[in-house]
């Protein structure tokens, strides 16, 4: 099991913050594999799906896709969303982008041990942002 530190995630997200933004919470996510893909690969697909860092600020949600080989942030694919474009459904974190179907993410704490990360704090930060607007 890979070890990821909460401080590492925050260090990667910080350069993408605006000057007046405050980072409330951050987390690591993996894209949820389809049921068909899971059945074909005997559930191994969940370990090979793309990874994302997500940061919740007092103004928006920032999603940072990671490069598969180097596991560093892919700068040209980073996107920022309003709180109305994200929601939690069951154990999934749904991200609604401009086009296409929503990006369905799951907490990667199922695959990684993330030091100092609390899933409930992340969810609480998103809901705090939604209802404070």
C-alpha atoms as a PDB file:
ATOM      1  CA  UNK A   1       0.000   0.000   0.000  1.00  0.00           C
ATOM      2  CA  UNK A   2       1.482   3.357  -1.015  1.00  0.00           C
ATOM      3  CA  UNK A   3       1.916   6.052   1.589  1.00  0.00           C
ATOM      4  CA  UNK A   4       0.785   9.549   0.727  1.00  0.00           C
ATOM      5  CA  UNK A   5       1.073  12.448   3.122  1.00  0.00           C
ATOM      6  CA  UNK A   6      -1.616  15.115   3.453  1.00  0.00           C
ATOM      7  CA  UNK A   7       1.214  17.671   3.405  1.00  0.00           C
ATOM      8  CA  UNK A   8       2.325  16.385  -0.007  1.00  0.00           C
ATOM      9  CA  UNK A   9      -1.176  16.909  -1.386  1.00  0.00           C
ATOM     10  CA  UNK A  10      -1.366  20.434   0.043  1.00  0.00           C
ATOM     11  CA  UNK A  11       2.078  21.253  -1.388  1.00  0.00           C
ATOM     12  CA  UNK A  12       0.894  20.237  -4.879  1.00  0.00           C
ATOM     13  CA  UNK A  13      -2.366  22.235  -4.656  1.00  0.00           C
ATOM     14  CA  UNK A  14      -0.951  25.463  -3.172  1.00  0.00           C
ATOM     15  CA  UNK A  15       0.540  26.883  -6.438  1.00  0.00           C
ATOM     16  CA  UNK A  16      -2.929  26.805  -8.034  1.00  0.00           C
ATOM     17  CA  UNK A  17      -4.598  28.915  -5.333  1.00  0.00           C
ATOM     18  CA  UNK A  18      -5.500  32.550  -5.910  1.00  0.00           C
ATOM     19  CA  UNK A  19      -3.967  35.089  -3.562  1.00  0.00           C
ATOM     20  CA  UNK A  20      -7.158  35.579  -1.531  1.00  0.00           C
ATOM     21  CA  UNK A  21      -8.114  31.876  -1.283  1.00  0.00           C
ATOM     22  CA  UNK A  22      -7.773  29.698   1.796  1.00  0.00           C
ATOM     23  CA  UNK A  23      -7.383  25.928   1.417  1.00  0.00           C
ATOM     24  CA  UNK A  24      -9.938  24.234   3.689  1.00  0.00           C
ATOM     25  CA  UNK A  25      -9.270  20.596   2.841  1.00  0.00           C
ATOM     26  CA  UNK A  26      -7.596  18.386   0.261  1.00  0.00           C
ATOM     27  CA  UNK A  27      -7.713  14.745  -0.758  1.00  0.00           C
ATOM     28  CA  UNK A  28      -6.619  12.127  -3.244  1.00  0.00           C
ATOM     29  CA  UNK A  29      -9.147  10.406  -5.478  1.00  0.00           C
ATOM     30  CA  UNK A  30      -9.277   7.727  -8.154  1.00  0.00           C
ATOM     31  CA  UNK A  31     -11.708   7.587 -11.046  1.00  0.00           C
ATOM     32  CA  UNK A  32     -14.398   4.975 -10.447  1.00  0.00           C
ATOM     33  CA  UNK A  33     -14.190   2.067 -12.896  1.00  0.00           C
ATOM     34  CA  UNK A  34     -17.331   0.843 -14.639  1.00  0.00           C
ATOM     35  CA  UNK A  35     -18.915  -2.407 -13.512  1.00  0.00           C
ATOM     36  CA  UNK A  36     -18.141  -4.053 -16.853  1.00  0.00           C
ATOM     37  CA  UNK A  37     -14.466  -3.144 -16.635  1.00  0.00           C
ATOM     38  CA  UNK A  38     -14.299  -4.387 -13.059  1.00  0.00           C
ATOM     39  CA  UNK A  39     -15.821  -7.722 -14.051  1.00  0.00           C
ATOM     40  CA  UNK A  40     -13.477  -8.126 -17.035  1.00  0.00           C
ATOM     41  CA  UNK A  41     -10.373  -7.413 -14.976  1.00  0.00           C
ATOM     42  CA  UNK A  42     -11.563  -9.212 -11.832  1.00  0.00           C
ATOM     43  CA  UNK A  43     -11.607  -5.952  -9.881  1.00  0.00           C
ATOM     44  CA  UNK A  44      -7.991  -5.032 -10.699  1.00  0.00           C
ATOM     45  CA  UNK A  45      -9.118  -2.049 -12.800  1.00  0.00           C
ATOM     46  CA  UNK A  46      -9.774  -0.017  -9.663  1.00  0.00           C
ATOM     47  CA  UNK A  47      -6.025   0.118  -8.975  1.00  0.00           C
ATOM     48  CA  UNK A  48      -5.126   1.311 -12.492  1.00  0.00           C
ATOM     49  CA  UNK A  49      -7.687   4.090 -12.894  1.00  0.00           C
ATOM     50  CA  UNK A  50      -6.445   7.703 -13.150  1.00  0.00           C
ATOM     51  CA  UNK A  51      -5.690   9.567  -9.909  1.00  0.00           C
ATOM     52  CA  UNK A  52      -6.642  13.105  -8.930  1.00  0.00           C
ATOM     53  CA  UNK A  53      -5.815  15.538  -6.158  1.00  0.00           C
ATOM     54  CA  UNK A  54      -8.749  17.693  -5.098  1.00  0.00           C
ATOM     55  CA  UNK A  55      -8.627  20.825  -3.005  1.00  0.00           C
ATOM     56  CA  UNK A  56     -11.527  22.659  -1.390  1.00  0.00           C
ATOM     57  CA  UNK A  57     -11.046  26.380  -0.856  1.00  0.00           C
ATOM     58  CA  UNK A  58     -13.396  28.973   0.558  1.00  0.00           C
ATOM     59  CA  UNK A  59     -14.348  29.935  -3.041  1.00  0.00           C
ATOM     60  CA  UNK A  60     -14.186  26.819  -5.238  1.00  0.00           C
ATOM     61  CA  UNK A  61     -13.072  23.227  -5.758  1.00  0.00           C
ATOM     62  CA  UNK A  62      -9.803  22.562  -7.613  1.00  0.00           C
ATOM     63  CA  UNK A  63      -9.231  19.224  -9.385  1.00  0.00           C
ATOM     64  CA  UNK A  64      -5.654  18.307 -10.324  1.00  0.00           C
ATOM     65  CA  UNK A  65      -5.211  15.240 -12.585  1.00  0.00           C
ATOM     66  CA  UNK A  66      -2.016  13.279 -11.963  1.00  0.00           C
ATOM     67  CA  UNK A  67       0.249  11.895 -14.644  1.00  0.00           C
ATOM     68  CA  UNK A  68       0.166   8.082 -14.587  1.00  0.00           C
ATOM     69  CA  UNK A  69       3.892   7.479 -14.872  1.00  0.00           C
ATOM     70  CA  UNK A  70       5.386  10.233 -12.749  1.00  0.00           C
ATOM     71  CA  UNK A  71       2.434  10.800 -10.358  1.00  0.00           C
ATOM     72  CA  UNK A  72       2.983  14.564 -10.638  1.00  0.00           C
ATOM     73  CA  UNK A  73       0.275  17.117 -11.371  1.00  0.00           C
ATOM     74  CA  UNK A  74      -0.522  17.540 -15.052  1.00  0.00           C
ATOM     75  CA  UNK A  75      -0.573  21.379 -15.112  1.00  0.00           C
ATOM     76  CA  UNK A  76      -2.439  21.847 -18.386  1.00  0.00           C
ATOM     77  CA  UNK A  77      -5.411  19.702 -17.281  1.00  0.00           C
ATOM     78  CA  UNK A  78      -6.101  21.368 -13.896  1.00  0.00           C
ATOM     79  CA  UNK A  79      -9.632  22.726 -13.591  1.00  0.00           C
ATOM     80  CA  UNK A  80     -11.526  24.818 -11.064  1.00  0.00           C
ATOM     81  CA  UNK A  81     -15.229  24.355 -10.339  1.00  0.00           C
ATOM     82  CA  UNK A  82     -17.960  26.128  -8.459  1.00  0.00           C
ATOM     83  CA  UNK A  83     -19.496  24.285  -5.497  1.00  0.00           C
ATOM     84  CA  UNK A  84     -22.711  23.746  -7.458  1.00  0.00           C
ATOM     85  CA  UNK A  85     -20.775  21.552  -9.934  1.00  0.00           C
ATOM     86  CA  UNK A  86     -19.797  18.920  -7.344  1.00  0.00           C
ATOM     87  CA  UNK A  87     -21.793  16.573  -5.135  1.00  0.00           C
ATOM     88  CA  UNK A  88     -21.532  13.363  -3.161  1.00  0.00           C
ATOM     89  CA  UNK A  89     -23.678  10.393  -4.102  1.00  0.00           C
ATOM     90  CA  UNK A  90     -23.168   7.291  -2.005  1.00  0.00           C
ATOM     91  CA  UNK A  91     -19.428   6.747  -1.832  1.00  0.00           C
ATOM     92  CA  UNK A  92     -18.772   8.743  -5.013  1.00  0.00           C
ATOM     93  CA  UNK A  93     -17.628  12.318  -5.487  1.00  0.00           C
ATOM     94  CA  UNK A  94     -19.333  13.539  -8.689  1.00  0.00           C
ATOM     95  CA  UNK A  95     -17.695  16.339 -10.664  1.00  0.00           C
ATOM     96  CA  UNK A  96     -19.884  17.925 -13.355  1.00  0.00           C
ATOM     97  CA  UNK A  97     -17.800  19.478 -16.094  1.00  0.00           C
ATOM     98  CA  UNK A  98     -19.077  21.560 -19.017  1.00  0.00           C
ATOM     99  CA  UNK A  99     -19.518  18.693 -21.441  1.00  0.00           C
ATOM    100  CA  UNK A 100     -20.159  14.981 -21.238  1.00  0.00           C
ATOM    101  CA  UNK A 101     -21.015  12.773 -18.337  1.00  0.00           C
ATOM    102  CA  UNK A 102     -19.841  13.609 -14.830  1.00  0.00           C
ATOM    103  CA  UNK A 103     -16.449  12.500 -13.624  1.00  0.00           C
ATOM    104  CA  UNK A 104     -17.144   9.938 -10.906  1.00  0.00           C
ATOM    105  CA  UNK A 105     -14.374   9.786  -8.319  1.00  0.00           C
ATOM    106  CA  UNK A 106     -13.896   7.666  -5.225  1.00  0.00           C
ATOM    107  CA  UNK A 107     -11.749   8.353  -2.203  1.00  0.00           C
ATOM    108  CA  UNK A 108      -8.363   6.769  -2.854  1.00  0.00           C
ATOM    109  CA  UNK A 109      -7.934   5.986   0.818  1.00  0.00           C
ATOM    110  CA  UNK A 110      -9.215   2.539  -0.196  1.00  0.00           C
ATOM    111  CA  UNK A 111      -5.927   2.046  -2.104  1.00  0.00           C
ATOM    112  CA  UNK A 112      -3.531   4.362  -0.272  1.00  0.00           C
ATOM    113  CA  UNK A 113      -2.758   5.129   3.299  1.00  0.00           C
ATOM    114  CA  UNK A 114      -3.070   8.907   3.513  1.00  0.00           C
ATOM    115  CA  UNK A 115      -1.475  10.294   6.657  1.00  0.00           C
ATOM    116  CA  UNK A 116      -3.439  13.030   8.476  1.00  0.00           C
ATOM    117  CA  UNK A 117      -6.403  12.815   6.069  1.00  0.00           C
ATOM    118  CA  UNK A 118      -9.980  12.687   7.253  1.00  0.00           C
ATOM    119  CA  UNK A 119     -12.616  11.903   4.641  1.00  0.00           C
ATOM    120  CA  UNK A 120     -15.350  13.531   6.734  1.00  0.00           C
ATOM    121  CA  UNK A 121     -13.419  16.810   6.941  1.00  0.00           C
ATOM    122  CA  UNK A 122     -13.233  16.917   3.136  1.00  0.00           C
ATOM    123  CA  UNK A 123     -16.971  16.281   2.792  1.00  0.00           C
ATOM    124  CA  UNK A 124     -17.693  18.873   5.463  1.00  0.00           C
ATOM    125  CA  UNK A 125     -15.537  21.479   3.686  1.00  0.00           C
ATOM    126  CA  UNK A 126     -17.445  20.930   0.418  1.00  0.00           C
ATOM    127  CA  UNK A 127     -20.814  21.303   2.144  1.00  0.00           C
ATOM    128  CA  UNK A 128     -19.558  24.358   4.029  1.00  0.00           C
ATOM    129  CA  UNK A 129     -18.668  25.956   0.694  1.00  0.00           C
ATOM    130  CA  UNK A 130     -22.014  25.005  -0.850  1.00  0.00           C
ATOM    131  CA  UNK A 131     -24.122  26.510   1.912  1.00  0.00           C
ATOM    132  CA  UNK A 132     -22.007  29.582   2.616  1.00  0.00           C
ATOM    133  CA  UNK A 133     -22.540  31.014  -0.887  1.00  0.00           C
END
